[in-house]
Amino acid sequence: MEITTEESIWFAACRVEDAVENGGVCVKYRDQQIALFYFTRRNEWYATQNECPHRKQMALSRGLLGSTGDDLKVACPFHKKTFSLRTGECLSGDECSLQTFPVKVEEGIVYIQVPLNNS
C-alpha cells in the first residue's frame, strides 16, 4: 500500500512482527535499498539509505547498533564509520552523511516516507 502526497510517498515496508528486534533489515522500494532499524526497548524506528557513503557498499542494514547519550547510531559492518540514525550525520569525523527517512507505524504496519523524486 502507498499513500501519496504532493511531495512524498509513504509505502508499507513490513509488519511490526516481521522486523528484527534491536537490529536492521534491508527494504527494497522500487530501485532503492533502505535500511530499517527497530529498537525494541525504546519502541523506536529509523530508516536510512542502505548504502554506506564511505565505500559505496549496500551494508548498513547489517551494521552494528549503539548509542551516544540519547542519539542512536549505526556503524558500517565493513568500515566502522558511525552515523546518527536521527540526522544521518557521520559521527566518525568524515564529511559524508546518510539520507534518512521518516518512519511511522499504523495498525501493525511499518511505513517509510520517501520523496517523490526518489521513487
Protein backbone atom coordinates (compact mmCIF):
# COMPACT_ATOMS: atom_id res chain seq x y z
CA MET A 1 0.00 0.00 0.00
CA GLU A 2 1.18 3.51 -0.82
CA ILE A 3 -0.04 6.88 0.44
CA THR A 4 0.97 9.67 -1.92
CA THR A 5 1.15 13.38 -1.10
CA GLU A 6 2.35 16.19 -3.34
CA GLU A 7 5.96 15.68 -2.27
CA SER A 8 6.28 12.14 -0.94
CA ILE A 9 5.04 8.57 -0.77
CA TRP A 10 4.52 6.51 2.40
CA PHE A 11 4.99 2.85 1.48
CA ALA A 12 4.31 -0.23 3.58
CA ALA A 13 7.73 -1.69 4.40
CA CYS A 14 6.74 -4.63 6.62
CA ARG A 15 4.61 -5.74 9.53
CA VAL A 16 5.91 -4.93 13.02
CA GLU A 17 6.30 -8.65 13.84
CA ASP A 18 8.49 -9.13 10.75
CA ALA A 19 11.11 -6.62 11.90
CA VAL A 20 14.32 -7.68 13.59
CA GLU A 21 14.25 -6.69 17.25
CA ASN A 22 17.12 -4.34 18.12
CA GLY A 23 18.51 -4.72 14.61
CA GLY A 24 18.16 -3.80 10.99
CA VAL A 25 16.80 -5.16 7.73
CA CYS A 26 17.08 -4.08 4.14
CA VAL A 27 13.84 -2.97 2.49
CA LYS A 28 13.66 -2.53 -1.25
CA TYR A 29 11.34 0.13 -2.63
CA ARG A 30 11.39 0.24 -6.42
CA ASP A 31 15.11 0.61 -7.23
CA GLN A 32 16.13 1.94 -3.81
CA GLN A 33 17.52 -0.02 -0.85
CA ILE A 34 16.57 1.35 2.57
CA ALA A 35 17.92 0.17 5.92
CA LEU A 36 15.14 -0.11 8.52
CA PHE A 37 16.10 -0.29 12.21
CA TYR A 38 13.90 -1.21 15.17
CA PHE A 39 14.98 -0.51 18.75
CA THR A 40 12.62 -2.73 20.75
CA ARG A 41 13.42 -1.39 24.23
CA ARG A 42 12.64 2.16 23.13
CA ASN A 43 9.96 1.21 20.58
CA GLU A 44 11.69 3.49 18.07
CA TRP A 45 12.05 3.05 14.31
CA TYR A 46 14.61 4.61 11.97
CA ALA A 47 15.27 4.37 8.24
CA THR A 48 18.32 5.41 6.23
CA GLN A 49 19.82 4.69 2.88
CA ASN A 50 21.36 1.21 2.91
CA GLU A 51 24.47 2.28 1.01
CA CYS A 52 27.45 3.27 3.13
CA PRO A 53 28.61 6.59 1.63
CA HIS A 54 32.22 5.84 2.56
CA ARG A 55 32.88 2.93 0.16
CA LYS A 56 29.51 2.68 -1.63
CA GLN A 57 28.59 -0.78 -0.28
CA MET A 58 25.00 -1.82 0.47
CA ALA A 59 25.62 -2.89 4.05
CA LEU A 60 24.18 -0.53 6.66
CA SER A 61 21.15 -2.71 7.42
CA ARG A 62 23.66 -5.25 8.81
CA GLY A 63 25.50 -2.58 10.77
CA LEU A 64 26.35 -2.54 14.45
CA LEU A 65 23.87 -0.55 16.53
CA GLY A 66 24.63 1.56 19.56
CA SER A 67 24.08 4.93 21.20
CA THR A 68 25.87 8.02 22.37
CA GLY A 69 23.68 9.52 25.06
CA ASP A 70 20.18 9.62 23.58
CA ASP A 71 21.43 9.59 19.97
CA LEU A 72 21.15 6.15 18.37
CA LYS A 73 23.76 5.23 15.78
CA VAL A 74 24.77 2.58 13.28
CA ALA A 75 28.31 1.57 12.33
CA CYS A 76 29.05 0.18 8.88
CA PRO A 77 29.95 -3.51 9.36
CA PHE A 78 32.91 -3.16 6.96
CA HIS A 79 34.44 0.24 7.68
CA LYS A 80 33.15 1.02 11.21
CA LYS A 81 32.15 4.55 10.18
CA THR A 82 29.32 5.56 12.53
CA PHE A 83 26.23 7.58 11.63
CA SER A 84 23.42 9.16 13.64
CA LEU A 85 20.15 7.41 12.84
CA ARG A 86 18.23 10.59 13.65
CA THR A 87 20.17 13.05 11.44
CA GLY A 88 22.33 10.85 9.19
CA GLU A 89 25.43 12.79 10.26
CA CYS A 90 28.73 10.89 10.21
CA LEU A 91 29.94 10.65 13.81
CA SER A 92 33.42 9.46 12.77
CA GLY A 93 34.62 12.89 11.68
CA ASP A 94 34.06 12.42 7.94
CA GLU A 95 32.03 14.80 5.80
CA CYS A 96 29.81 12.07 4.34
CA SER A 97 26.28 11.58 5.67
CA LEU A 98 23.25 9.34 5.24
CA GLN A 99 19.87 10.16 3.81
CA THR A 100 17.27 9.47 6.50
CA PHE A 101 13.56 8.77 6.06
CA PRO A 102 10.57 9.25 8.39
CA VAL A 103 9.01 6.06 9.76
CA LYS A 104 5.56 5.52 11.27
CA VAL A 105 3.59 2.52 12.50
CA GLU A 106 -0.15 2.25 11.94
CA GLU A 107 -2.24 -0.80 12.77
CA GLY A 108 0.83 -3.04 12.93
CA ILE A 109 2.25 -1.94 9.58
CA VAL A 110 5.58 -0.07 9.34
CA TYR A 111 5.58 2.74 6.75
CA ILE A 112 8.58 4.62 5.36
CA GLN A 113 8.26 8.00 3.69
CA VAL A 114 10.34 8.66 0.56
CA PRO A 115 10.41 11.79 -1.58
CA LEU A 116 8.60 11.54 -4.92
CA ASN A 117 11.80 12.32 -6.80
CA ASN A 118 13.36 9.14 -5.30
CA SER A 119 10.55 6.85 -6.34
